[in-house]
Amino acid sequence: MSSSPRSARTAPLPRRAGRHLRRALGRRRTVQRREPLARPVDRARSRAWLVAGLALVVGLAGVVTAAVLGYRAAGRTAESERGRLHRTEALVLGKLRTEETGAGRWSGGYQKRTDTSVSWTTPEGLARTGTVEAPRSTANGSTIVLWVDDDGRPATAPATRLGLTVGAVCVGLAGSATLSALIGGALALRLRFLERRADRAWERSWAHWEPRWSGRTSQPQDD
């Protein structure tokens, strides 16, 4: 009873990873015993991939850590701002004309927000009138949300948790993309250099052995 030829079995991932690690660390005896055709340039390629992988892992960990620390610092700043800022409602008195604000027709015609005259009450209960930016669609006589400081002056609204999260994610993604591009570029340059070195070595070896294989030289062949 004939048996069909068995296909070569692929080595498990841990064994392949260990093989690359041993090659990258320079354990030549183990590599030469199991992989007799491994060249120094092959071990150099493995080391290049290993260094790039380790640099990517360490760099990504650093980027994530920096993004988390930045998120926490921004959160503490936002909490402190909420402690000294007050949320109130302001009555819209009317939008200022372009001539009154000093803005050009282009800046006033295409912006979604415009200078608006509003009145509000300070934390001490005093009535004040001033100019703030409001959506252009805001109608006269309506109310808008206004943040003021302890003195009753308009202030920038504190950052929300959603805004902080989006900012941290964007910073992390930008840092990860930049780091990956730098490491990938360095790895590509290293591999190209090794490929050129391998080509030069192959050309030298071919120039040395080809005349003997082809019989174009009278020198005896080495065993």
N, C-alpha and C. Protein backbone atom coordinates (compact mmCIF):
# COMPACT_ATOMS: atom_id res chain seq x y z
N MET A 1 0.85 -1.18 0.00
CA MET A 1 0.00 0.00 0.00
C MET A 1 0.89 1.24 0.00
N SER A 2 0.71 2.01 -1.06
CA SER A 2 1.56 3.19 -1.21
C SER A 2 1.02 4.33 -0.38
N SER A 3 1.89 5.12 0.08
CA SER A 3 1.50 6.29 0.88
C SER A 3 1.87 7.55 0.12
N SER A 4 1.01 8.53 0.17
CA SER A 4 1.25 9.80 -0.52
C SER A 4 2.32 10.58 0.21
N PRO A 5 3.14 11.35 -0.52
CA PRO A 5 4.19 12.13 0.15
C PRO A 5 3.60 13.15 1.09
N ARG A 6 4.20 13.26 2.24
CA ARG A 6 3.73 14.19 3.27
C ARG A 6 4.35 15.56 3.04
N SER A 7 3.51 16.58 3.10
CA SER A 7 4.00 17.95 2.90
C SER A 7 4.80 18.41 4.11
N ALA A 8 5.74 19.30 3.84
CA ALA A 8 6.58 19.82 4.92
C ALA A 8 5.74 20.61 5.91
N ARG A 9 5.95 20.37 7.17
CA ARG A 9 5.18 21.03 8.22
C ARG A 9 5.90 22.31 8.64
N THR A 10 5.13 23.37 8.73
CA THR A 10 5.68 24.65 9.13
C THR A 10 5.94 24.65 10.64
N ALA A 11 7.09 25.17 11.03
CA ALA A 11 7.43 25.21 12.45
C ALA A 11 6.48 26.13 13.19
N PRO A 12 6.14 25.80 14.42
CA PRO A 12 5.25 26.68 15.20
C PRO A 12 5.86 28.07 15.37
N LEU A 13 4.97 29.04 15.63
CA LEU A 13 5.42 30.41 15.77
C LEU A 13 6.42 30.59 16.91
N PRO A 14 6.24 30.00 18.10
CA PRO A 14 7.27 30.16 19.14
C PRO A 14 8.63 29.65 18.73
N ARG A 15 8.67 28.51 17.99
CA ARG A 15 9.95 27.98 17.56
C ARG A 15 10.60 28.90 16.54
N ARG A 16 9.79 29.44 15.61
CA ARG A 16 10.36 30.36 14.63
C ARG A 16 10.85 31.64 15.30
N ALA A 17 10.08 32.15 16.29
CA ALA A 17 10.52 33.34 17.00
C ALA A 17 11.81 33.08 17.76
N GLY A 18 11.91 31.92 18.39
CA GLY A 18 13.15 31.57 19.09
C GLY A 18 14.32 31.43 18.14
N ARG A 19 14.06 30.90 16.96
CA ARG A 19 15.12 30.77 15.97
C ARG A 19 15.65 32.14 15.57
N HIS A 20 14.73 33.07 15.28
CA HIS A 20 15.17 34.42 14.92
C HIS A 20 15.89 35.10 16.10
N LEU A 21 15.41 34.85 17.31
CA LEU A 21 16.05 35.47 18.46
C LEU A 21 17.46 34.93 18.65
N ARG A 22 17.62 33.61 18.53
CA ARG A 22 18.96 33.04 18.67
C ARG A 22 19.89 33.54 17.57
N ARG A 23 19.36 33.67 16.37
CA ARG A 23 20.18 34.18 15.28
C ARG A 23 20.55 35.64 15.53
N ALA A 24 19.58 36.42 16.01
CA ALA A 24 19.85 37.84 16.26
C ALA A 24 20.86 38.04 17.39
N LEU A 25 20.81 37.16 18.39
CA LEU A 25 21.73 37.29 19.51
C LEU A 25 23.12 36.76 19.19
N GLY A 26 23.28 36.15 18.02
CA GLY A 26 24.61 35.75 17.58
C GLY A 26 25.05 34.38 18.07
N ARG A 27 24.13 33.49 18.41
CA ARG A 27 24.52 32.14 18.84
C ARG A 27 24.82 31.32 17.58
N ARG A 28 26.04 31.45 17.09
CA ARG A 28 26.37 30.92 15.78
C ARG A 28 26.37 29.39 15.74
N ARG A 29 26.83 28.77 16.82
CA ARG A 29 26.90 27.30 16.79
C ARG A 29 25.51 26.69 16.64
N THR A 30 24.56 27.21 17.42
CA THR A 30 23.20 26.67 17.32
C THR A 30 22.61 26.95 15.94
N VAL A 31 22.85 28.15 15.44
CA VAL A 31 22.30 28.50 14.13
C VAL A 31 22.94 27.68 13.04
N GLN A 32 24.27 27.51 13.07
CA GLN A 32 24.93 26.76 12.03
C GLN A 32 24.57 25.28 12.08
N ARG A 33 24.33 24.75 13.28
CA ARG A 33 23.96 23.35 13.38
C ARG A 33 22.57 23.11 12.81
N ARG A 34 21.63 24.02 13.09
CA ARG A 34 20.25 23.83 12.61
C ARG A 34 20.01 24.47 11.25
N GLU A 35 20.76 25.54 10.95
CA GLU A 35 20.62 26.23 9.67
C GLU A 35 22.00 26.41 9.08
N PRO A 36 22.54 25.40 8.44
CA PRO A 36 23.92 25.49 7.93
C PRO A 36 24.09 26.53 6.83
N LEU A 37 23.01 26.94 6.18
CA LEU A 37 23.14 27.91 5.09
C LEU A 37 23.00 29.35 5.57
N ALA A 38 22.83 29.56 6.86
CA ALA A 38 22.71 30.91 7.39
C ALA A 38 24.02 31.66 7.24
N ARG A 39 23.94 32.86 6.69
CA ARG A 39 25.12 33.70 6.48
C ARG A 39 25.17 34.81 7.52
N PRO A 40 26.32 35.46 7.67
CA PRO A 40 26.37 36.60 8.59
C PRO A 40 25.36 37.68 8.25
N VAL A 41 25.10 37.88 6.95
CA VAL A 41 24.14 38.90 6.56
C VAL A 41 22.72 38.51 6.99
N ASP A 42 22.45 37.19 7.04
CA ASP A 42 21.15 36.74 7.52
C ASP A 42 20.98 37.06 9.00
N ARG A 43 22.03 36.83 9.78
CA ARG A 43 21.96 37.17 11.19
C ARG A 43 21.84 38.68 11.38
N ALA A 44 22.51 39.45 10.52
CA ALA A 44 22.39 40.91 10.60
C ALA A 44 20.97 41.36 10.29
N ARG A 45 20.32 40.72 9.33
CA ARG A 45 18.91 41.05 9.04
C ARG A 45 18.03 40.73 10.24
N SER A 46 18.26 39.58 10.86
CA SER A 46 17.45 39.21 12.02
C SER A 46 17.65 40.20 13.15
N ARG A 47 18.90 40.63 13.36
CA ARG A 47 19.14 41.62 14.41
C ARG A 47 18.46 42.94 14.08
N ALA A 48 18.46 43.32 12.81
CA ALA A 48 17.80 44.57 12.42
C ALA A 48 16.30 44.50 12.70
N TRP A 49 15.66 43.39 12.35
CA TRP A 49 14.23 43.23 12.63
C TRP A 49 13.97 43.21 14.13
N LEU A 50 14.85 42.54 14.89
CA LEU A 50 14.67 42.46 16.33
C LEU A 50 14.78 43.84 16.97
N VAL A 51 15.80 44.61 16.58
CA VAL A 51 15.97 45.95 17.14
C VAL A 51 14.80 46.84 16.77
N ALA A 52 14.34 46.75 15.52
CA ALA A 52 13.20 47.57 15.10
C ALA A 52 11.95 47.20 15.88
N GLY A 53 11.72 45.90 16.08
CA GLY A 53 10.55 45.49 16.85
C GLY A 53 10.59 45.95 18.29
N LEU A 54 11.76 45.79 18.92
CA LEU A 54 11.89 46.25 20.31
C LEU A 54 11.74 47.76 20.41
N ALA A 55 12.35 48.50 19.45
CA ALA A 55 12.21 49.96 19.47
C ALA A 55 10.77 50.38 19.28
N LEU A 56 10.04 49.66 18.42
CA LEU A 56 8.63 50.01 18.20
C LEU A 56 7.80 49.75 19.45
N VAL A 57 8.04 48.61 20.10
CA VAL A 57 7.28 48.30 21.32
C VAL A 57 7.57 49.32 22.41
N VAL A 58 8.86 49.60 22.63
CA VAL A 58 9.22 50.57 23.68
C VAL A 58 8.71 51.96 23.33
N GLY A 59 8.84 52.34 22.05
CA GLY A 59 8.36 53.66 21.65
C GLY A 59 6.86 53.81 21.78
N LEU A 60 6.10 52.78 21.38
CA LEU A 60 4.64 52.85 21.53
C LEU A 60 4.23 52.91 22.99
N ALA A 61 4.95 52.17 23.84
CA ALA A 61 4.66 52.26 25.27
C ALA A 61 4.92 53.68 25.78
N GLY A 62 6.00 54.30 25.30
CA GLY A 62 6.27 55.68 25.70
C GLY A 62 5.23 56.65 25.19
N VAL A 63 4.76 56.46 23.96
CA VAL A 63 3.73 57.34 23.41
C VAL A 63 2.43 57.22 24.20
N VAL A 64 2.04 55.97 24.50
CA VAL A 64 0.81 55.77 25.27
C VAL A 64 0.94 56.38 26.66
N THR A 65 2.10 56.19 27.28
CA THR A 65 2.31 56.78 28.61
C THR A 65 2.24 58.30 28.56
N ALA A 66 2.87 58.90 27.55
CA ALA A 66 2.83 60.35 27.42
C ALA A 66 1.41 60.85 27.18
N ALA A 67 0.63 60.12 26.36
CA ALA A 67 -0.75 60.54 26.10
C ALA A 67 -1.60 60.44 27.37
N VAL A 68 -1.40 59.38 28.15
CA VAL A 68 -2.17 59.23 29.39
C VAL A 68 -1.79 60.32 30.39
N LEU A 69 -0.49 60.58 30.53
CA LEU A 69 -0.06 61.63 31.46
C LEU A 69 -0.57 63.00 31.01
N GLY A 70 -0.52 63.25 29.70
CA GLY A 70 -1.06 64.52 29.21
C GLY A 70 -2.55 64.65 29.44
N TYR A 71 -3.28 63.54 29.27
CA TYR A 71 -4.72 63.56 29.53
C TYR A 71 -5.01 63.86 30.99
N ARG A 72 -4.24 63.24 31.89
CA ARG A 72 -4.47 63.49 33.31
C ARG A 72 -4.13 64.93 33.69
N ALA A 73 -3.02 65.45 33.14
CA ALA A 73 -2.64 66.83 33.44
C ALA A 73 -3.69 67.80 32.91
N ALA A 74 -4.17 67.57 31.69
CA ALA A 74 -5.21 68.43 31.14
C ALA A 74 -6.50 68.31 31.94
N GLY A 75 -6.80 67.10 32.43
CA GLY A 75 -7.99 66.94 33.26
C GLY A 75 -7.89 67.71 34.57
N ARG A 76 -6.70 67.69 35.19
CA ARG A 76 -6.53 68.47 36.42
C ARG A 76 -6.66 69.96 36.15
N THR A 77 -6.12 70.41 35.02
CA THR A 77 -6.25 71.83 34.67
C THR A 77 -7.71 72.21 34.43
N ALA A 78 -8.44 71.34 33.75
CA ALA A 78 -9.86 71.61 33.51
C ALA A 78 -10.65 71.64 34.81
N GLU A 79 -10.30 70.74 35.74
CA GLU A 79 -11.01 70.74 37.02
C GLU A 79 -10.74 72.02 37.80
N SER A 80 -9.48 72.48 37.76
CA SER A 80 -9.18 73.73 38.46
C SER A 80 -9.88 74.91 37.81
N GLU A 81 -10.01 74.89 36.49
CA GLU A 81 -10.73 75.96 35.82
C GLU A 81 -12.22 75.94 36.18
N ARG A 82 -12.77 74.75 36.29
CA ARG A 82 -14.19 74.68 36.67
C ARG A 82 -14.41 75.23 38.07
N GLY A 83 -13.38 75.15 38.92
CA GLY A 83 -13.53 75.67 40.27
C GLY A 83 -13.59 77.19 40.33
N ARG A 84 -12.96 77.85 39.35
CA ARG A 84 -12.97 79.32 39.38
C ARG A 84 -13.87 79.93 38.32
N LEU A 85 -14.48 79.12 37.48
CA LEU A 85 -15.39 79.61 36.46
C LEU A 85 -16.83 79.31 36.83
N HIS A 86 -17.72 80.10 36.31
CA HIS A 86 -19.15 79.97 36.62
C HIS A 86 -19.94 79.96 35.32
N ARG A 87 -20.91 79.08 35.28
CA ARG A 87 -21.76 78.95 34.09
C ARG A 87 -23.04 79.76 34.31
N THR A 88 -23.35 80.60 33.34
CA THR A 88 -24.54 81.44 33.45
C THR A 88 -25.18 81.57 32.09
N GLU A 89 -26.34 82.20 32.05
CA GLU A 89 -27.02 82.45 30.78
C GLU A 89 -26.98 83.94 30.48
N ALA A 90 -26.71 84.24 29.20
CA ALA A 90 -26.62 85.63 28.77
C ALA A 90 -27.73 85.91 27.76
N LEU A 91 -28.31 87.09 27.87
CA LEU A 91 -29.38 87.51 26.97
C LEU A 91 -28.77 88.19 25.75
N VAL A 92 -29.14 87.74 24.56
CA VAL A 92 -28.62 88.30 23.32
C VAL A 92 -29.34 89.60 23.01
N LEU A 93 -28.60 90.70 22.94
CA LEU A 93 -29.17 92.01 22.65
C LEU A 93 -29.14 92.31 21.16
N GLY A 94 -28.16 91.81 20.45
CA GLY A 94 -28.09 92.05 19.01
C GLY A 94 -26.68 91.82 18.51
N LYS A 95 -26.58 91.52 17.22
CA LYS A 95 -25.27 91.31 16.59
C LYS A 95 -24.69 92.66 16.19
N LEU A 96 -23.40 92.80 16.34
CA LEU A 96 -22.73 94.02 15.95
C LEU A 96 -22.51 94.04 14.44
N ARG A 97 -22.64 95.21 13.86
CA ARG A 97 -22.43 95.33 12.44
C ARG A 97 -20.94 95.26 12.11
N THR A 98 -20.65 95.00 10.85
CA THR A 98 -19.26 94.86 10.43
C THR A 98 -18.48 96.14 10.69
N GLU A 99 -19.11 97.29 10.46
CA GLU A 99 -18.41 98.55 10.67
C GLU A 99 -18.05 98.76 12.14
N GLU A 100 -18.91 98.25 13.06
CA GLU A 100 -18.65 98.43 14.48
C GLU A 100 -17.53 97.53 14.98
N THR A 101 -17.42 96.33 14.43
CA THR A 101 -16.37 95.39 14.88
C THR A 101 -15.05 95.65 14.21
N GLY A 102 -15.05 96.35 13.08
CA GLY A 102 -13.81 96.60 12.36
C GLY A 102 -13.37 95.44 11.51
N ALA A 103 -14.21 94.42 11.32
CA ALA A 103 -13.85 93.25 10.52
C ALA A 103 -14.18 93.50 9.07
N GLY A 104 -13.46 92.83 8.18
CA GLY A 104 -13.72 92.97 6.77
C GLY A 104 -14.94 92.17 6.34
N ARG A 105 -15.37 92.39 5.09
CA ARG A 105 -16.55 91.70 4.61
C ARG A 105 -16.32 90.20 4.47
N TRP A 106 -15.06 89.81 4.18
CA TRP A 106 -14.79 88.39 4.02
C TRP A 106 -14.81 87.67 5.36
N SER A 107 -14.18 88.26 6.38
CA SER A 107 -14.17 87.61 7.70
C SER A 107 -15.56 87.60 8.30
N GLY A 108 -16.33 88.65 8.06
CA GLY A 108 -17.67 88.69 8.65
C GLY A 108 -18.69 87.89 7.86
N GLY A 109 -18.42 87.65 6.56
CA GLY A 109 -19.42 86.98 5.75
C GLY A 109 -19.35 85.47 5.78
N TYR A 110 -18.19 84.89 6.12
CA TYR A 110 -18.05 83.46 6.01
C TYR A 110 -17.75 82.76 7.34
N GLN A 111 -17.67 83.48 8.42
CA GLN A 111 -17.48 82.86 9.72
C GLN A 111 -18.81 82.39 10.28
N LYS A 112 -18.77 81.29 11.03
CA LYS A 112 -19.99 80.76 11.64
C LYS A 112 -20.33 81.47 12.95
N ARG A 113 -19.37 82.21 13.51
CA ARG A 113 -19.59 82.93 14.75
C ARG A 113 -19.31 84.41 14.52
N THR A 114 -19.98 85.24 15.26
CA THR A 114 -19.82 86.67 15.09
C THR A 114 -19.91 87.36 16.44
N ASP A 115 -19.37 88.57 16.52
CA ASP A 115 -19.44 89.34 17.76
C ASP A 115 -20.89 89.73 18.04
N THR A 116 -21.31 89.48 19.26
CA THR A 116 -22.70 89.71 19.64
C THR A 116 -22.73 90.45 20.97
N SER A 117 -23.63 91.41 21.08
CA SER A 117 -23.83 92.15 22.33
C SER A 117 -24.78 91.37 23.22
N VAL A 118 -24.35 91.08 24.46
CA VAL A 118 -25.16 90.30 25.39
C VAL A 118 -25.11 90.97 26.76
N SER A 119 -26.06 90.58 27.60
CA SER A 119 -26.07 91.03 29.00
C SER A 119 -26.19 89.81 29.88
N TRP A 120 -25.52 89.84 31.05
CA TRP A 120 -25.53 88.72 31.98
C TRP A 120 -25.39 89.22 33.40
N THR A 121 -25.52 88.29 34.33
CA THR A 121 -25.42 88.63 35.75
C THR A 121 -24.18 87.99 36.32
N THR A 122 -23.37 88.76 37.04
CA THR A 122 -22.13 88.27 37.64
C THR A 122 -22.46 87.39 38.84
N PRO A 123 -21.48 86.61 39.33
CA PRO A 123 -21.73 85.81 40.53
C PRO A 123 -22.15 86.64 41.74
N GLU A 124 -21.78 87.94 41.78
CA GLU A 124 -22.20 88.80 42.89
C GLU A 124 -23.59 89.38 42.69
N GLY A 125 -24.22 89.08 41.54
CA GLY A 125 -25.57 89.57 41.28
C GLY A 125 -25.62 90.88 40.54
N LEU A 126 -24.50 91.35 39.99
CA LEU A 126 -24.47 92.61 39.25
C LEU A 126 -24.76 92.36 37.77
N ALA A 127 -25.48 93.26 37.15
CA ALA A 127 -25.81 93.15 35.72
C ALA A 127 -24.68 93.77 34.90
N ARG A 128 -24.28 93.06 33.85
CA ARG A 128 -23.23 93.56 32.98
C ARG A 128 -23.62 93.36 31.52
N THR A 129 -23.02 94.19 30.68
CA THR A 129 -23.24 94.12 29.24
C THR A 129 -21.89 94.11 28.56
N GLY A 130 -21.74 93.27 27.55
CA GLY A 130 -20.48 93.17 26.85
C GLY A 130 -20.64 92.49 25.51
N THR A 131 -19.52 92.21 24.90
CA THR A 131 -19.50 91.60 23.57
C THR A 131 -18.79 90.25 23.65
N VAL A 132 -19.45 89.24 23.14
CA VAL A 132 -18.88 87.90 23.09
C VAL A 132 -19.15 87.32 21.70
N GLU A 133 -18.46 86.22 21.39
CA GLU A 133 -18.72 85.54 20.13
C GLU A 133 -19.87 84.56 20.31
N ALA A 134 -20.80 84.58 19.36
CA ALA A 134 -21.97 83.70 19.40
C ALA A 134 -22.24 83.20 17.99
N PRO A 135 -22.94 82.08 17.84
CA PRO A 135 -23.29 81.60 16.50
C PRO A 135 -24.07 82.65 15.73
N ARG A 136 -23.83 82.70 14.43
CA ARG A 136 -24.51 83.70 13.61
C ARG A 136 -26.02 83.47 13.56
N SER A 137 -26.44 82.24 13.81
CA SER A 137 -27.88 81.93 13.77
C SER A 137 -28.61 82.31 15.04
N THR A 138 -27.90 82.83 16.06
CA THR A 138 -28.55 83.18 17.32
C THR A 138 -29.48 84.37 17.11
N ALA A 139 -30.72 84.24 17.56
CA ALA A 139 -31.72 85.31 17.38
C ALA A 139 -31.65 86.29 18.54
N ASN A 140 -32.01 87.53 18.24
CA ASN A 140 -32.06 88.55 19.30
C ASN A 140 -33.15 88.19 20.31
N GLY A 141 -32.84 88.37 21.57
CA GLY A 141 -33.79 88.05 22.63
C GLY A 141 -33.65 86.64 23.17
N SER A 142 -32.85 85.80 22.51
CA SER A 142 -32.63 84.44 23.01
C SER A 142 -31.48 84.45 24.02
N THR A 143 -31.24 83.32 24.63
CA THR A 143 -30.18 83.20 25.63
C THR A 143 -29.13 82.21 25.16
N ILE A 144 -27.91 82.46 25.57
CA ILE A 144 -26.79 81.57 25.26
C ILE A 144 -26.05 81.26 26.56
N VAL A 145 -25.32 80.15 26.56
CA VAL A 145 -24.53 79.76 27.72
C VAL A 145 -23.24 80.59 27.73
N LEU A 146 -22.92 81.16 28.87
CA LEU A 146 -21.73 82.00 29.00
C LEU A 146 -20.98 81.59 30.25
N TRP A 147 -19.66 81.44 30.12
CA TRP A 147 -18.79 81.15 31.26
C TRP A 147 -18.10 82.44 31.68
N VAL A 148 -18.12 82.73 32.96
CA VAL A 148 -17.48 83.93 33.50
C VAL A 148 -16.59 83.54 34.67
N ASP A 149 -15.60 84.42 34.97
CA ASP A 149 -14.72 84.16 36.10
C ASP A 149 -15.31 84.74 37.38
N ASP A 150 -14.54 84.74 38.45
CA ASP A 150 -15.05 85.24 39.73
C ASP A 150 -15.41 86.72 39.67
N ASP A 151 -14.77 87.46 38.77
CA ASP A 151 -15.07 88.89 38.64
C ASP A 151 -16.22 89.17 37.67
N GLY A 152 -16.77 88.11 37.09
CA GLY A 152 -17.89 88.30 36.17
C GLY A 152 -17.48 88.55 34.74
N ARG A 153 -16.21 88.43 34.39
CA ARG A 153 -15.76 88.66 33.04
C ARG A 153 -15.88 87.38 32.21
N PRO A 154 -16.27 87.50 30.92
CA PRO A 154 -16.39 86.30 30.07
C PRO A 154 -15.06 85.56 29.97
N ALA A 155 -15.15 84.24 29.99
CA ALA A 155 -13.96 83.39 29.93
C ALA A 155 -14.23 82.21 29.00
N THR A 156 -13.15 81.55 28.60
CA THR A 156 -13.27 80.37 27.75
C THR A 156 -13.81 79.20 28.55
N ALA A 157 -14.72 78.47 27.96
CA ALA A 157 -15.32 77.33 28.65
C ALA A 157 -14.27 76.27 28.95
N PRO A 158 -14.33 75.64 30.10
CA PRO A 158 -13.35 74.58 30.42
C PRO A 158 -13.51 73.38 29.51
N ALA A 159 -12.43 72.68 29.31
CA ALA A 159 -12.46 71.51 28.43
C ALA A 159 -13.33 70.41 29.01
N THR A 160 -14.08 69.74 28.15
CA THR A 160 -14.92 68.63 28.58
C THR A 160 -14.13 67.33 28.56
N ARG A 161 -14.65 66.31 29.23
CA ARG A 161 -13.97 65.01 29.27
C ARG A 161 -13.89 64.41 27.87
N LEU A 162 -14.94 64.61 27.07
CA LEU A 162 -14.92 64.08 25.71
C LEU A 162 -13.84 64.78 24.88
N GLY A 163 -13.74 66.10 25.02
CA GLY A 163 -12.71 66.82 24.29
C GLY A 163 -11.31 66.40 24.71
N LEU A 164 -11.10 66.19 26.00
CA LEU A 164 -9.80 65.73 26.48
C LEU A 164 -9.47 64.34 25.94
N THR A 165 -10.46 63.47 25.92
CA THR A 165 -10.24 62.11 25.41
C THR A 165 -9.89 62.13 23.93
N VAL A 166 -10.64 62.91 23.15
CA VAL A 166 -10.36 63.00 21.72
C VAL A 166 -8.97 63.58 21.48
N GLY A 167 -8.60 64.60 22.25
CA GLY A 167 -7.27 65.18 22.11
C GLY A 167 -6.17 64.19 22.44
N ALA A 168 -6.35 63.42 23.53
CA ALA A 168 -5.33 62.43 23.90
C ALA A 168 -5.21 61.34 22.84
N VAL A 169 -6.34 60.90 22.29
CA VAL A 169 -6.31 59.87 21.26
C VAL A 169 -5.61 60.39 20.01
N CYS A 170 -5.91 61.62 19.62
CA CYS A 170 -5.26 62.20 18.44
C CYS A 170 -3.76 62.33 18.64
N VAL A 171 -3.35 62.77 19.84
CA VAL A 171 -1.92 62.87 20.12
C VAL A 171 -1.26 61.50 20.08
N GLY A 172 -1.92 60.50 20.67
CA GLY A 172 -1.36 59.15 20.65
C GLY A 172 -1.25 58.59 19.24
N LEU A 173 -2.27 58.80 18.41
CA LEU A 173 -2.22 58.30 17.04
C LEU A 173 -1.15 59.01 16.23
N ALA A 174 -1.06 60.33 16.41
CA ALA A 174 -0.03 61.07 15.67
C ALA A 174 1.37 60.64 16.10
N GLY A 175 1.57 60.48 17.41
CA GLY A 175 2.88 60.02 17.88
C GLY A 175 3.21 58.62 17.41
N SER A 176 2.21 57.73 17.42
CA SER A 176 2.46 56.36 16.97
C SER A 176 2.78 56.31 15.49
N ALA A 177 2.05 57.11 14.69
CA ALA A 177 2.32 57.13 13.25
C ALA A 177 3.71 57.68 12.96
N THR A 178 4.08 58.74 13.66
CA THR A 178 5.42 59.32 13.45
C THR A 178 6.51 58.34 13.85
N LEU A 179 6.33 57.71 15.01
CA LEU A 179 7.33 56.74 15.48
C LEU A 179 7.44 55.56 14.52
N SER A 180 6.30 55.04 14.06
CA SER A 180 6.33 53.91 13.13
C SER A 180 7.02 54.28 11.83
N ALA A 181 6.76 55.51 11.34
CA ALA A 181 7.40 55.95 10.10
C ALA A 181 8.91 56.06 10.27
N LEU A 182 9.35 56.61 11.40
CA LEU A 182 10.79 56.75 11.62
C LEU A 182 11.47 55.38 11.73
N ILE A 183 10.88 54.49 12.53
CA ILE A 183 11.49 53.16 12.70
C ILE A 183 11.44 52.39 11.39
N GLY A 184 10.31 52.48 10.68
CA GLY A 184 10.21 51.79 9.40
C GLY A 184 11.22 52.31 8.39
N GLY A 185 11.43 53.63 8.36
CA GLY A 185 12.42 54.18 7.45
C GLY A 185 13.83 53.73 7.80
N ALA A 186 14.15 53.75 9.10
CA ALA A 186 15.48 53.29 9.52
C ALA A 186 15.68 51.82 9.19
N LEU A 187 14.65 51.00 9.41
CA LEU A 187 14.76 49.58 9.10
C LEU A 187 14.94 49.36 7.60
N ALA A 188 14.19 50.11 6.80
CA ALA A 188 14.32 49.96 5.34
C ALA A 188 15.72 50.33 4.88
N LEU A 189 16.29 51.39 5.43
CA LEU A 189 17.66 51.77 5.06
C LEU A 189 18.66 50.70 5.46
N ARG A 190 18.49 50.15 6.66
CA ARG A 190 19.40 49.10 7.12
C ARG A 190 19.30 47.86 6.25
N LEU A 191 18.09 47.44 5.91
CA LEU A 191 17.92 46.26 5.08
C LEU A 191 18.46 46.49 3.67
N ARG A 192 18.30 47.72 3.16
CA ARG A 192 18.85 48.01 1.84
C ARG A 192 20.38 47.94 1.86
N PHE A 193 20.97 48.47 2.93
CA PHE A 193 22.43 48.39 3.06
C PHE A 193 22.89 46.94 3.13
N LEU A 194 22.19 46.11 3.91
CA LEU A 194 22.57 44.71 4.01
C LEU A 194 22.37 43.98 2.69
N GLU A 195 21.32 44.35 1.95
CA GLU A 195 21.09 43.72 0.65
C GLU A 195 22.21 44.06 -0.32
N ARG A 196 22.67 45.30 -0.30
CA ARG A 196 23.77 45.67 -1.18
C ARG A 196 25.06 44.94 -0.77
N ARG A 197 25.27 44.81 0.55
CA ARG A 197 26.45 44.08 1.01
C ARG A 197 26.39 42.62 0.59
N ALA A 198 25.19 42.02 0.67
CA ALA A 198 25.03 40.64 0.24
C ALA A 198 25.27 40.49 -1.26
N ASP A 199 24.81 41.47 -2.04
CA ASP A 199 25.04 41.41 -3.49
C ASP A 199 26.53 41.50 -3.81
N ARG A 200 27.25 42.39 -3.11
CA ARG A 200 28.69 42.49 -3.36
C ARG A 200 29.41 41.20 -2.98
N ALA A 201 29.00 40.62 -1.86
CA ALA A 201 29.62 39.35 -1.45
C ALA A 201 29.33 38.25 -2.46
N TRP A 202 28.09 38.24 -2.98
CA TRP A 202 27.74 37.23 -3.97
C TRP A 202 28.55 37.42 -5.26
N GLU A 203 28.76 38.66 -5.66
CA GLU A 203 29.53 38.92 -6.87
C GLU A 203 30.99 38.49 -6.68
N ARG A 204 31.56 38.76 -5.51
CA ARG A 204 32.93 38.32 -5.27
C ARG A 204 33.04 36.80 -5.26
N SER A 205 32.07 36.15 -4.62
CA SER A 205 32.09 34.70 -4.58
C SER A 205 31.91 34.10 -5.97
N TRP A 206 31.04 34.70 -6.76
CA TRP A 206 30.81 34.19 -8.11
C TRP A 206 32.06 34.38 -8.99
N ALA A 207 32.70 35.55 -8.83
CA ALA A 207 33.92 35.78 -9.61
C ALA A 207 35.03 34.80 -9.22
N HIS A 208 35.00 34.32 -7.99
CA HIS A 208 36.04 33.39 -7.54
C HIS A 208 35.75 31.96 -7.97
N TRP A 209 34.48 31.52 -7.91
CA TRP A 209 34.16 30.12 -8.13
C TRP A 209 33.65 29.81 -9.54
N GLU A 210 33.11 30.79 -10.23
CA GLU A 210 32.53 30.49 -11.54
C GLU A 210 33.55 29.96 -12.55
N PRO A 211 34.76 30.52 -12.61
CA PRO A 211 35.72 29.94 -13.56
C PRO A 211 36.05 28.48 -13.27
N ARG A 212 36.04 28.08 -12.02
CA ARG A 212 36.35 26.69 -11.68
C ARG A 212 35.18 25.77 -12.01
N TRP A 213 33.94 26.25 -11.77
CA TRP A 213 32.79 25.42 -12.10
C TRP A 213 32.64 25.25 -13.60
N SER A 214 32.91 26.32 -14.32
CA SER A 214 32.72 26.27 -15.78
C SER A 214 33.89 25.62 -16.50
N GLY A 215 34.97 25.32 -15.80
CA GLY A 215 36.13 24.69 -16.42
C GLY A 215 36.99 25.65 -17.19
N ARG A 216 36.84 26.94 -16.98
CA ARG A 216 37.65 27.91 -17.70
C ARG A 216 39.00 28.16 -17.03
N THR A 217 39.30 27.39 -16.00
CA THR A 217 40.60 27.52 -15.33
C THR A 217 41.16 26.15 -15.08
N SER A 218 42.43 26.06 -15.05
CA SER A 218 43.09 24.77 -14.84
C SER A 218 43.35 24.46 -13.39
N GLN A 219 42.92 25.36 -12.50
CA GLN A 219 43.15 25.12 -11.08
C GLN A 219 42.23 24.01 -10.61
N PRO A 220 42.70 23.15 -9.72
CA PRO A 220 41.83 22.07 -9.20
C PRO A 220 40.75 22.63 -8.32
N GLN A 221 39.63 21.98 -8.34
CA GLN A 221 38.50 22.40 -7.52
C GLN A 221 38.73 22.02 -6.08
N ASP A 222 38.33 22.89 -5.20
CA ASP A 222 38.43 22.59 -3.77
C ASP A 222 37.24 21.74 -3.34
N ASP A 223 37.48 20.87 -2.35
CA ASP A 223 36.39 20.05 -1.84
C ASP A 223 35.47 20.90 -1.00
